[in-house]
PDB file of all heavy atoms in Angstrom:
ATOM      1  N   MET A   1     122.339 112.050 158.568  1.00  0.00           N
ATOM      2  CA  MET A   1     122.800 113.380 158.942  1.00  0.00           C
ATOM      3  C   MET A   1     122.426 114.348 157.815  1.00  0.00           C
ATOM      4  O   MET A   1     122.967 114.279 156.726  1.00  0.00           O
ATOM      5  CB  MET A   1     124.319 113.387 159.158  1.00  0.00           C
ATOM      6  CG  MET A   1     124.902 114.786 159.375  1.00  0.00           C
ATOM      7  SD  MET A   1     124.132 115.678 160.737  1.00  0.00           S
ATOM      8  CE  MET A   1     124.697 114.700 162.117  1.00  0.00           C
ATOM      9  N   GLY A   2     121.458 115.205 158.116  1.00  0.00           N
ATOM     10  CA  GLY A   2     120.930 116.106 157.100  1.00  0.00           C
ATOM     11  C   GLY A   2     119.721 115.499 156.417  1.00  0.00           C
ATOM     12  O   GLY A   2     119.541 114.270 156.406  1.00  0.00           O
ATOM     13  N   TYR A   3     118.891 116.371 155.852  1.00  0.00           N
ATOM     14  CA  TYR A   3     117.687 115.880 155.177  1.00  0.00           C
ATOM     15  C   TYR A   3     117.432 116.680 153.895  1.00  0.00           C
ATOM     16  O   TYR A   3     116.396 117.287 153.706  1.00  0.00           O
ATOM     17  CB  TYR A   3     116.477 115.936 156.120  1.00  0.00           C
ATOM     18  CG  TYR A   3     115.296 115.123 155.623  1.00  0.00           C
ATOM     19  CD1 TYR A   3     115.362 113.741 155.580  1.00  0.00           C
ATOM     20  CD2 TYR A   3     114.126 115.747 155.187  1.00  0.00           C
ATOM     21  CE1 TYR A   3     114.290 112.992 155.116  1.00  0.00           C
ATOM     22  CE2 TYR A   3     113.047 115.009 154.731  1.00  0.00           C
ATOM     23  CZ  TYR A   3     113.144 113.626 154.687  1.00  0.00           C
ATOM     24  OH  TYR A   3     112.073 112.888 154.228  1.00  0.00           O
ATOM     25  N   GLY A   4     118.437 116.653 153.015  1.00  0.00           N
ATOM     26  CA  GLY A   4     118.281 117.235 151.693  1.00  0.00           C
ATOM     27  C   GLY A   4     117.877 116.177 150.689  1.00  0.00           C
ATOM     28  O   GLY A   4     117.380 115.101 151.047  1.00  0.00           O
ATOM     29  N   ASN A   5     118.101 116.471 149.407  1.00  0.00           N
ATOM     30  CA  ASN A   5     117.681 115.553 148.349  1.00  0.00           C
ATOM     31  C   ASN A   5     118.298 114.163 148.502  1.00  0.00           C
ATOM     32  O   ASN A   5     117.634 113.143 148.324  1.00  0.00           O
ATOM     33  CB  ASN A   5     118.057 116.125 146.976  1.00  0.00           C
ATOM     34  CG  ASN A   5     117.185 117.294 146.574  1.00  0.00           C
ATOM     35  OD1 ASN A   5     116.021 117.369 146.948  1.00  0.00           O
ATOM     36  ND2 ASN A   5     117.744 118.217 145.812  1.00  0.00           N
ATOM     37  N   LEU A   6     119.592 114.112 148.839  1.00  0.00           N
ATOM     38  CA  LEU A   6     120.265 112.822 148.935  1.00  0.00           C
ATOM     39  C   LEU A   6     119.715 112.004 150.095  1.00  0.00           C
ATOM     40  O   LEU A   6     119.435 110.802 149.951  1.00  0.00           O
ATOM     41  CB  LEU A   6     121.769 113.017 149.095  1.00  0.00           C
ATOM     42  CG  LEU A   6     122.585 111.728 149.207  1.00  0.00           C
ATOM     43  CD1 LEU A   6     122.365 110.830 148.000  1.00  0.00           C
ATOM     44  CD2 LEU A   6     124.064 112.048 149.372  1.00  0.00           C
ATOM     45  N   SER A   7     119.545 112.615 151.265  1.00  0.00           N
ATOM     46  CA  SER A   7     119.013 111.870 152.416  1.00  0.00           C
ATOM     47  C   SER A   7     117.598 111.386 152.149  1.00  0.00           C
ATOM     48  O   SER A   7     117.219 110.284 152.572  1.00  0.00           O
ATOM     49  CB  SER A   7     119.056 112.747 153.664  1.00  0.00           C
ATOM     50  OG  SER A   7     120.393 112.947 154.088  1.00  0.00           O
ATOM     51  N   ARG A   8     116.813 112.185 151.438  1.00  0.00           N
ATOM     52  CA  ARG A   8     115.466 111.726 151.080  1.00  0.00           C
ATOM     53  C   ARG A   8     115.550 110.527 150.141  1.00  0.00           C
ATOM     54  O   ARG A   8     114.700 109.621 150.191  1.00  0.00           O
ATOM     55  CB  ARG A   8     114.668 112.870 150.458  1.00  0.00           C
ATOM     56  CG  ARG A   8     114.220 113.905 151.480  1.00  0.00           C
ATOM     57  CD  ARG A   8     113.213 114.876 150.892  1.00  0.00           C
ATOM     58  NE  ARG A   8     113.848 115.843 150.007  1.00  0.00           N
ATOM     59  CZ  ARG A   8     114.340 117.023 150.407  1.00  0.00           C
ATOM     60  NH1 ARG A   8     114.287 117.359 151.681  1.00  0.00           N
ATOM     61  NH2 ARG A   8     114.890 117.854 149.544  1.00  0.00           N
ATOM     62  N   GLY A   9     116.571 110.506 149.284  1.00  0.00           N
ATOM     63  CA  GLY A   9     116.772 109.348 148.421  1.00  0.00           C
ATOM     64  C   GLY A   9     117.141 108.109 149.211  1.00  0.00           C
ATOM     65  O   GLY A   9     116.671 107.003 148.917  1.00  0.00           O
ATOM     66  N   VAL A  10     117.990 108.254 150.233  1.00  0.00           N
ATOM     67  CA  VAL A  10     118.336 107.128 151.089  1.00  0.00           C
ATOM     68  C   VAL A  10     117.103 106.649 151.856  1.00  0.00           C
ATOM     69  O   VAL A  10     116.858 105.438 151.980  1.00  0.00           O
ATOM     70  CB  VAL A  10     119.457 107.518 152.073  1.00  0.00           C
ATOM     71  CG1 VAL A  10     119.758 106.358 153.023  1.00  0.00           C
ATOM     72  CG2 VAL A  10     120.723 107.926 151.321  1.00  0.00           C
ATOM     73  N   GLU A  11     116.307 107.593 152.345  1.00  0.00           N
ATOM     74  CA  GLU A  11     115.078 107.233 153.053  1.00  0.00           C
ATOM     75  C   GLU A  11     114.162 106.398 152.161  1.00  0.00           C
ATOM     76  O   GLU A  11     113.597 105.381 152.604  1.00  0.00           O
ATOM     77  CB  GLU A  11     114.359 108.492 153.513  1.00  0.00           C
ATOM     78  CG  GLU A  11     113.063 108.229 154.265  1.00  0.00           C
ATOM     79  CD  GLU A  11     112.308 109.500 154.597  1.00  0.00           C
ATOM     80  OE1 GLU A  11     112.421 110.480 153.828  1.00  0.00           O
ATOM     81  OE2 GLU A  11     111.597 109.521 155.613  1.00  0.00           O
ATOM     82  N   ALA A  12     114.021 106.797 150.900  1.00  0.00           N
ATOM     83  CA  ALA A  12     113.182 106.039 149.964  1.00  0.00           C
ATOM     84  C   ALA A  12     113.743 104.635 149.752  1.00  0.00           C
ATOM     85  O   ALA A  12     112.994 103.651 149.670  1.00  0.00           O
ATOM     86  CB  ALA A  12     113.081 106.779 148.630  1.00  0.00           C
ATOM     87  N   ALA A  13     115.081 104.515 149.676  1.00  0.00           N
ATOM     88  CA  ALA A  13     115.706 103.208 149.470  1.00  0.00           C
ATOM     89  C   ALA A  13     115.493 102.294 150.678  1.00  0.00           C
ATOM     90  O   ALA A  13     115.250 101.092 150.524  1.00  0.00           O
ATOM     91  CB  ALA A  13     117.197 103.384 149.198  1.00  0.00           C
ATOM     92  N   ILE A  14     115.581 102.853 151.876  1.00  0.00           N
ATOM     93  CA  ILE A  14     115.396 102.049 153.084  1.00  0.00           C
ATOM     94  C   ILE A  14     114.011 101.408 153.111  1.00  0.00           C
ATOM     95  O   ILE A  14     113.840 100.265 153.549  1.00  0.00           O
ATOM     96  CB  ILE A  14     115.634 102.918 154.336  1.00  0.00           C
ATOM     97  CG1 ILE A  14     117.123 103.277 154.448  1.00  0.00           C
ATOM     98  CG2 ILE A  14     115.155 102.220 155.604  1.00  0.00           C
ATOM     99  CD1 ILE A  14     117.440 104.290 155.525  1.00  0.00           C
ATOM    100  N   LYS A  15     113.013 102.130 152.603  1.00  0.00           N
ATOM    101  CA  LYS A  15     111.649 101.598 152.575  1.00  0.00           C
ATOM    102  C   LYS A  15     111.560 100.320 151.734  1.00  0.00           C
ATOM    103  O   LYS A  15     110.644  99.505 151.918  1.00  0.00           O
ATOM    104  CB  LYS A  15     110.682 102.658 152.031  1.00  0.00           C
ATOM    105  CG  LYS A  15     110.443 103.834 152.971  1.00  0.00           C
ATOM    106  CD  LYS A  15     109.508 104.852 152.319  1.00  0.00           C
ATOM    107  CE  LYS A  15     109.244 106.044 153.232  1.00  0.00           C
ATOM    108  NZ  LYS A  15     108.452 105.676 154.400  1.00  0.00           N
ATOM    109  N   ASN A  16     112.489 100.144 150.802  1.00  0.00           N
ATOM    110  CA  ASN A  16     112.477  98.970 149.929  1.00  0.00           C
ATOM    111  C   ASN A  16     113.352  97.827 150.436  1.00  0.00           C
ATOM    112  O   ASN A  16     113.496  96.807 149.753  1.00  0.00           O
ATOM    113  CB  ASN A  16     112.939  99.368 148.521  1.00  0.00           C
ATOM    114  CG  ASN A  16     111.975 100.318 147.846  1.00  0.00           C
ATOM    115  OD1 ASN A  16     110.770 100.221 148.035  1.00  0.00           O
ATOM    116  ND2 ASN A  16     112.502 101.251 147.056  1.00  0.00           N
ATOM    117  N   CYS A  17     113.951  98.001 151.617  1.00  0.00           N
ATOM    118  CA  CYS A  17     114.891  97.011 152.137  1.00  0.00           C
ATOM    119  C   CYS A  17     114.392  96.468 153.475  1.00  0.00           C
ATOM    120  O   CYS A  17     114.312  97.218 154.458  1.00  0.00           O
ATOM    121  CB  CYS A  17     116.278  97.635 152.327  1.00  0.00           C
ATOM    122  SG  CYS A  17     117.025  98.257 150.797  1.00  0.00           S
ATOM    123  N   ASP A  18     114.081  95.195 153.512  1.00  0.00           N
ATOM    124  CA  ASP A  18     113.514  94.599 154.728  1.00  0.00           C
ATOM    125  C   ASP A  18     114.508  94.533 155.880  1.00  0.00           C
ATOM    126  O   ASP A  18     114.106  94.407 157.040  1.00  0.00           O
ATOM    127  CB  ASP A  18     113.001  93.191 154.428  1.00  0.00           C
ATOM    128  CG  ASP A  18     111.792  93.192 153.504  1.00  0.00           C
ATOM    129  OD1 ASP A  18     111.112  94.234 153.431  1.00  0.00           O
ATOM    130  OD2 ASP A  18     111.552  92.161 152.856  1.00  0.00           O
ATOM    131  N   ASP A  19     115.813  94.599 155.567  1.00  0.00           N
ATOM    132  CA  ASP A  19     116.819  94.460 156.627  1.00  0.00           C
ATOM    133  C   ASP A  19     117.365  95.792 157.114  1.00  0.00           C
ATOM    134  O   ASP A  19     118.244  95.831 157.980  1.00  0.00           O
ATOM    135  CB  ASP A  19     117.971  93.575 156.160  1.00  0.00           C
ATOM    136  CG  ASP A  19     118.712  94.174 154.967  1.00  0.00           C
ATOM    137  OD1 ASP A  19     118.078  94.889 154.156  1.00  0.00           O
ATOM    138  OD2 ASP A  19     119.932  93.929 154.845  1.00  0.00           O
ATOM    139  N   LEU A  20     116.876  96.912 156.559  1.00  0.00           N
ATOM    140  CA  LEU A  20     117.329  98.239 156.962  1.00  0.00           C
ATOM    141  C   LEU A  20     116.191  98.989 157.640  1.00  0.00           C
ATOM    142  O   LEU A  20     115.033  98.895 157.217  1.00  0.00           O
ATOM    143  CB  LEU A  20     117.819  99.055 155.763  1.00  0.00           C
ATOM    144  CG  LEU A  20     118.918  98.446 154.892  1.00  0.00           C
ATOM    145  CD1 LEU A  20     119.309  99.431 153.794  1.00  0.00           C
ATOM    146  CD2 LEU A  20     120.137  98.048 155.719  1.00  0.00           C
ATOM    147  N   GLU A  21     116.542  99.773 158.657  1.00  0.00           N
ATOM    148  CA  GLU A  21     115.532 100.529 159.397  1.00  0.00           C
ATOM    149  C   GLU A  21     116.065 101.931 159.676  1.00  0.00           C
ATOM    150  O   GLU A  21     117.174 102.094 160.203  1.00  0.00           O
ATOM    151  CB  GLU A  21     115.231  99.827 160.721  1.00  0.00           C
ATOM    152  CG  GLU A  21     114.250 100.584 161.605  1.00  0.00           C
ATOM    153  CD  GLU A  21     114.106  99.952 162.970  1.00  0.00           C
ATOM    154  OE1 GLU A  21     114.937  99.076 163.330  1.00  0.00           O
ATOM    155  OE2 GLU A  21     113.169 100.333 163.694  1.00  0.00           O
ATOM    156  N   LEU A  22     115.307 102.958 159.282  1.00  0.00           N
ATOM    157  CA  LEU A  22     115.660 104.331 159.624  1.00  0.00           C
ATOM    158  C   LEU A  22     115.252 104.591 161.064  1.00  0.00           C
ATOM    159  O   LEU A  22     114.077 104.425 161.423  1.00  0.00           O
ATOM    160  CB  LEU A  22     114.958 105.317 158.686  1.00  0.00           C
ATOM    161  CG  LEU A  22     115.244 106.806 158.948  1.00  0.00           C
ATOM    162  CD1 LEU A  22     116.724 107.117 158.743  1.00  0.00           C
ATOM    163  CD2 LEU A  22     114.384 107.678 158.027  1.00  0.00           C
ATOM    164  N   VAL A  23     116.224 105.006 161.902  1.00  0.00           N
ATOM    165  CA  VAL A  23     115.914 105.185 163.325  1.00  0.00           C
ATOM    166  C   VAL A  23     116.013 106.630 163.789  1.00  0.00           C
ATOM    167  O   VAL A  23     115.450 106.978 164.833  1.00  0.00           O
ATOM    168  CB  VAL A  23     116.810 104.292 164.210  1.00  0.00           C
ATOM    169  CG1 VAL A  23     116.532 102.822 163.938  1.00  0.00           C
ATOM    170  CG2 VAL A  23     118.289 104.614 164.018  1.00  0.00           C
ATOM    171  N   ALA A  24     116.712 107.496 163.039  1.00  0.00           N
ATOM    172  CA  ALA A  24     116.829 108.896 163.454  1.00  0.00           C
ATOM    173  C   ALA A  24     117.352 109.744 162.306  1.00  0.00           C
ATOM    174  O   ALA A  24     118.127 109.273 161.463  1.00  0.00           O
ATOM    175  CB  ALA A  24     117.753 109.041 164.663  1.00  0.00           C
ATOM    176  N   VAL A  25     116.921 111.004 162.294  1.00  0.00           N
ATOM    177  CA  VAL A  25     117.418 112.005 161.345  1.00  0.00           C
ATOM    178  C   VAL A  25     117.951 113.171 162.162  1.00  0.00           C
ATOM    179  O   VAL A  25     117.283 113.655 163.089  1.00  0.00           O
ATOM    180  CB  VAL A  25     116.299 112.485 160.398  1.00  0.00           C
ATOM    181  CG1 VAL A  25     116.805 113.622 159.505  1.00  0.00           C
ATOM    182  CG2 VAL A  25     115.780 111.332 159.549  1.00  0.00           C
ATOM    183  N   PHE A  26     119.152 113.631 161.816  1.00  0.00           N
ATOM    184  CA  PHE A  26     119.774 114.750 162.520  1.00  0.00           C
ATOM    185  C   PHE A  26     119.920 115.933 161.564  1.00  0.00           C
ATOM    186  O   PHE A  26     120.197 115.751 160.378  1.00  0.00           O
ATOM    187  CB  PHE A  26     121.144 114.340 163.071  1.00  0.00           C
ATOM    188  CG  PHE A  26     121.072 113.181 164.016  1.00  0.00           C
ATOM    189  CD1 PHE A  26     121.208 111.877 163.554  1.00  0.00           C
ATOM    190  CD2 PHE A  26     120.835 113.380 165.361  1.00  0.00           C
ATOM    191  CE1 PHE A  26     121.121 110.794 164.416  1.00  0.00           C
ATOM    192  CE2 PHE A  26     120.745 112.312 166.239  1.00  0.00           C
ATOM    193  CZ  PHE A  26     120.890 111.020 165.769  1.00  0.00           C
ATOM    194  N   THR A  27     119.730 117.139 162.093  1.00  0.00           N
ATOM    195  CA  THR A  27     119.733 118.325 161.239  1.00  0.00           C
ATOM    196  C   THR A  27     120.353 119.509 161.956  1.00  0.00           C
ATOM    197  O   THR A  27     120.312 119.596 163.196  1.00  0.00           O
ATOM    198  CB  THR A  27     118.295 118.670 160.796  1.00  0.00           C
ATOM    199  OG1 THR A  27     118.322 119.840 159.974  1.00  0.00           O
ATOM    200  CG2 THR A  27     117.390 118.925 162.013  1.00  0.00           C
ATOM    201  N   ARG A  28     120.923 120.425 161.149  1.00  0.00           N
ATOM    202  CA  ARG A  28     121.422 121.688 161.696  1.00  0.00           C
ATOM    203  C   ARG A  28     120.314 122.734 161.747  1.00  0.00           C
ATOM    204  O   ARG A  28     120.467 123.790 162.345  1.00  0.00           O
ATOM    205  CB  ARG A  28     122.589 122.199 160.848  1.00  0.00           C
ATOM    206  CG  ARG A  28     123.848 121.365 160.993  1.00  0.00           C
ATOM    207  CD  ARG A  28     124.963 121.813 160.085  1.00  0.00           C
ATOM    208  NE  ARG A  28     124.639 121.605 158.679  1.00  0.00           N
ATOM    209  CZ  ARG A  28     125.548 121.638 157.705  1.00  0.00           C
ATOM    210  NH1 ARG A  28     126.824 121.863 157.992  1.00  0.00           N
ATOM    211  NH2 ARG A  28     125.191 121.449 156.447  1.00  0.00           N
ATOM    212  N   ARG A  29     119.215 122.427 161.083  1.00  0.00           N
ATOM    213  CA  ARG A  29     118.056 123.327 161.114  1.00  0.00           C
ATOM    214  C   ARG A  29     117.247 123.103 162.391  1.00  0.00           C
ATOM    215  O   ARG A  29     117.545 122.214 163.189  1.00  0.00           O
ATOM    216  CB  ARG A  29     117.170 123.066 159.887  1.00  0.00           C
ATOM    217  CG  ARG A  29     117.792 123.481 158.572  1.00  0.00           C
ATOM    218  CD  ARG A  29     116.869 123.155 157.408  1.00  0.00           C
ATOM    219  NE  ARG A  29     116.993 121.763 156.981  1.00  0.00           N
ATOM    220  CZ  ARG A  29     116.169 121.176 156.117  1.00  0.00           C
ATOM    221  NH1 ARG A  29     115.132 121.843 155.636  1.00  0.00           N
ATOM    222  NH2 ARG A  29     116.364 119.921 155.765  1.00  0.00           N
ATOM    223  N   ASN A  30     116.216 123.893 162.563  1.00  0.00           N
ATOM    224  CA  ASN A  30     115.274 123.656 163.654  1.00  0.00           C
ATOM    225  C   ASN A  30     114.581 122.325 163.371  1.00  0.00           C
ATOM    226  O   ASN A  30     113.893 122.184 162.356  1.00  0.00           O
ATOM    227  CB  ASN A  30     114.254 124.794 163.709  1.00  0.00           C
ATOM    228  CG  ASN A  30     113.206 124.582 164.800  1.00  0.00           C
ATOM    229  OD1 ASN A  30     113.155 123.543 165.446  1.00  0.00           O
ATOM    230  ND2 ASN A  30     112.360 125.578 164.996  1.00  0.00           N
ATOM    231  N   PRO A  31     114.733 121.332 164.236  1.00  0.00           N
ATOM    232  CA  PRO A  31     114.123 120.018 163.955  1.00  0.00           C
ATOM    233  C   PRO A  31     112.619 120.093 163.712  1.00  0.00           C
ATOM    234  O   PRO A  31     112.081 119.285 162.935  1.00  0.00           O
ATOM    235  CB  PRO A  31     114.439 119.211 165.217  1.00  0.00           C
ATOM    236  CG  PRO A  31     115.676 119.831 165.760  1.00  0.00           C
ATOM    237  CD  PRO A  31     115.536 121.301 165.469  1.00  0.00           C
ATOM    238  N   ASP A  32     111.942 121.040 164.333  1.00  0.00           N
ATOM    239  CA  ASP A  32     110.496 121.156 164.143  1.00  0.00           C
ATOM    240  C   ASP A  32     110.127 121.568 162.723  1.00  0.00           C
ATOM    241  O   ASP A  32     108.984 121.381 162.298  1.00  0.00           O
ATOM    242  CB  ASP A  32     109.911 122.179 165.131  1.00  0.00           C
ATOM    243  CG  ASP A  32     110.007 121.699 166.576  1.00  0.00           C
ATOM    244  OD1 ASP A  32     110.080 120.479 166.788  1.00  0.00           O
ATOM    245  OD2 ASP A  32     110.021 122.556 167.479  1.00  0.00           O
ATOM    246  N   SER A  33     111.105 122.129 161.988  1.00  0.00           N
ATOM    247  CA  SER A  33     110.832 122.580 160.622  1.00  0.00           C
ATOM    248  C   SER A  33     111.073 121.498 159.585  1.00  0.00           C
ATOM    249  O   SER A  33     110.796 121.698 158.396  1.00  0.00           O
ATOM    250  CB  SER A  33     111.709 123.796 160.290  1.00  0.00           C
ATOM    251  OG  SER A  33     113.080 123.411 160.155  1.00  0.00           O
ATOM    252  N   VAL A  34     111.602 120.351 160.000  1.00  0.00           N
ATOM    253  CA  VAL A  34     111.949 119.272 159.067  1.00  0.00           C
ATOM    254  C   VAL A  34     110.892 118.180 159.146  1.00  0.00           C
ATOM    255  O   VAL A  34     110.709 117.553 160.195  1.00  0.00           O
ATOM    256  CB  VAL A  34     113.342 118.696 159.395  1.00  0.00           C
ATOM    257  CG1 VAL A  34     113.666 117.536 158.448  1.00  0.00           C
ATOM    258  CG2 VAL A  34     114.402 119.779 159.288  1.00  0.00           C
ATOM    259  N   LYS A  35     110.204 117.939 158.050  1.00  0.00           N
ATOM    260  CA  LYS A  35     109.165 116.914 157.986  1.00  0.00           C
ATOM    261  C   LYS A  35     109.654 115.779 157.097  1.00  0.00           C
ATOM    262  O   LYS A  35     109.909 115.970 155.911  1.00  0.00           O
ATOM    263  CB  LYS A  35     107.860 117.501 157.431  1.00  0.00           C
ATOM    264  CG  LYS A  35     107.371 118.739 158.186  1.00  0.00           C
ATOM    265  CD  LYS A  35     107.130 118.449 159.658  1.00  0.00           C
ATOM    266  CE  LYS A  35     106.658 119.710 160.403  1.00  0.00           C
ATOM    267  NZ  LYS A  35     106.558 119.463 161.868  1.00  0.00           N
ATOM    268  N   ILE A  36     109.790 114.589 157.685  1.00  0.00           N
ATOM    269  CA  ILE A  36     110.252 113.432 156.924  1.00  0.00           C
ATOM    270  C   ILE A  36     109.065 112.550 156.565  1.00  0.00           C
ATOM    271  O   ILE A  36     107.956 112.732 157.072  1.00  0.00           O
ATOM    272  CB  ILE A  36     111.319 112.644 157.699  1.00  0.00           C
ATOM    273  CG1 ILE A  36     110.713 111.946 158.911  1.00  0.00           C
ATOM    274  CG2 ILE A  36     112.457 113.578 158.135  1.00  0.00           C
ATOM    275  CD1 ILE A  36     111.691 111.021 159.624  1.00  0.00           C
ATOM    276  N   LYS A  37     109.321 111.580 155.668  1.00  0.00           N
ATOM    277  CA  LYS A  37     108.229 110.748 155.164  1.00  0.00           C
ATOM    278  C   LYS A  37     108.007 109.485 155.991  1.00  0.00           C
ATOM    279  O   LYS A  37     106.956 108.862 155.883  1.00  0.00           O
ATOM    280  CB  LYS A  37     108.502 110.370 153.703  1.00  0.00           C
ATOM    281  CG  LYS A  37     108.490 111.575 152.759  1.00  0.00           C
ATOM    282  CD  LYS A  37     108.719 111.151 151.322  1.00  0.00           C
ATOM    283  CE  LYS A  37     108.663 112.360 150.393  1.00  0.00           C
ATOM    284  NZ  LYS A  37     108.904 111.967 148.978  1.00  0.00           N
ATOM    285  N   THR A  38     108.996 109.107 156.790  1.00  0.00           N
ATOM    286  CA  THR A  38     108.883 107.885 157.589  1.00  0.00           C
ATOM    287  C   THR A  38     108.226 108.200 158.926  1.00  0.00           C
ATOM    288  O   THR A  38     108.677 109.095 159.649  1.00  0.00           O
ATOM    289  CB  THR A  38     110.273 107.269 157.836  1.00  0.00           C
ATOM    290  OG1 THR A  38     110.945 107.103 156.580  1.00  0.00           O
ATOM    291  CG2 THR A  38     110.138 105.919 158.509  1.00  0.00           C
ATOM    292  N   GLU A  39     107.194 107.468 159.245  1.00  0.00           N
ATOM    293  CA  GLU A  39     106.468 107.725 160.486  1.00  0.00           C
ATOM    294  C   GLU A  39     107.242 107.212 161.700  1.00  0.00           C
ATOM    295  O   GLU A  39     107.991 106.236 161.625  1.00  0.00           O
ATOM    296  CB  GLU A  39     105.088 107.059 160.435  1.00  0.00           C
ATOM    297  CG  GLU A  39     104.165 107.632 159.367  1.00  0.00           C
ATOM    298  CD  GLU A  39     102.798 106.965 159.370  1.00  0.00           C
ATOM    299  OE1 GLU A  39     102.602 106.006 160.151  1.00  0.00           O
ATOM    300  OE2 GLU A  39     101.931 107.403 158.592  1.00  0.00           O
ATOM    301  N   ASN A  40     107.036 107.906 162.826  1.00  0.00           N
ATOM    302  CA  ASN A  40     107.554 107.482 164.132  1.00  0.00           C
ATOM    303  C   ASN A  40     109.075 107.432 164.192  1.00  0.00           C
ATOM    304  O   ASN A  40     109.660 106.630 164.931  1.00  0.00           O
ATOM    305  CB  ASN A  40     106.972 106.112 164.522  1.00  0.00           C
ATOM    306  CG  ASN A  40     105.450 106.112 164.571  1.00  0.00           C
ATOM    307  OD1 ASN A  40     104.843 107.045 165.091  1.00  0.00           O
ATOM    308  ND2 ASN A  40     104.838 105.076 164.017  1.00  0.00           N
ATOM    309  N   VAL A  41     109.733 108.271 163.395  1.00  0.00           N
ATOM    310  CA  VAL A  41     111.190 108.395 163.452  1.00  0.00           C
ATOM    311  C   VAL A  41     111.519 109.814 163.900  1.00  0.00           C
ATOM    312  O   VAL A  41     111.044 110.779 163.295  1.00  0.00           O
ATOM    313  CB  VAL A  41     111.830 108.106 162.079  1.00  0.00           C
ATOM    314  CG1 VAL A  41     113.317 108.454 162.097  1.00  0.00           C
ATOM    315  CG2 VAL A  41     111.635 106.645 161.710  1.00  0.00           C
ATOM    316  N   PRO A  42     112.320 109.983 164.952  1.00  0.00           N
ATOM    317  CA  PRO A  42     112.590 111.324 165.459  1.00  0.00           C
ATOM    318  C   PRO A  42     113.507 112.136 164.550  1.00  0.00           C
ATOM    319  O   PRO A  42     114.431 111.596 163.940  1.00  0.00           O
ATOM    320  CB  PRO A  42     113.261 111.058 166.811  1.00  0.00           C
ATOM    321  CG  PRO A  42     113.891 109.710 166.657  1.00  0.00           C
ATOM    322  CD  PRO A  42     112.961 108.929 165.769  1.00  0.00           C
ATOM    323  N   VAL A  43     113.240 113.430 164.479  1.00  0.00           N
ATOM    324  CA  VAL A  43     114.131 114.392 163.837  1.00  0.00           C
ATOM    325  C   VAL A  43     114.755 115.204 164.964  1.00  0.00           C
ATOM    326  O   VAL A  43     114.048 115.850 165.746  1.00  0.00           O
ATOM    327  CB  VAL A  43     113.387 115.300 162.857  1.00  0.00           C
ATOM    328  CG1 VAL A  43     114.355 116.305 162.233  1.00  0.00           C
ATOM    329  CG2 VAL A  43     112.702 114.482 161.772  1.00  0.00           C
ATOM    330  N   LEU A  44     116.081 115.176 165.047  1.00  0.00           N
ATOM    331  CA  LEU A  44     116.784 115.711 166.196  1.00  0.00           C
ATOM    332  C   LEU A  44     117.839 116.723 165.770  1.00  0.00           C
ATOM    333  O   LEU A  44     118.311 116.724 164.626  1.00  0.00           O
ATOM    334  CB  LEU A  44     117.462 114.573 166.964  1.00  0.00           C
ATOM    335  CG  LEU A  44     116.544 113.423 167.390  1.00  0.00           C
ATOM    336  CD1 LEU A  44     117.376 112.215 167.789  1.00  0.00           C
ATOM    337  CD2 LEU A  44     115.654 113.867 168.538  1.00  0.00           C
ATOM    338  N   SER A  45     118.223 117.554 166.700  1.00  0.00           N
ATOM    339  CA  SER A  45     119.319 118.487 166.462  1.00  0.00           C
ATOM    340  C   SER A  45     120.629 117.727 166.342  1.00  0.00           C
ATOM    341  O   SER A  45     120.863 116.724 167.028  1.00  0.00           O
ATOM    342  CB  SER A  45     119.409 119.492 167.603  1.00  0.00           C
ATOM    343  OG  SER A  45     120.615 120.242 167.509  1.00  0.00           O
TER     344      SER A  45
END
């Protein structure tokens, strides 16, 4: 929920964990304006 500095830190940590998977990011901003680093994961309102 949200994609600020902390959420980006969690996203980076998930990449290092074989048992964790990022499946969605939710934002109060326009989802089209939020670019995340993980491919094929939706950014939603």
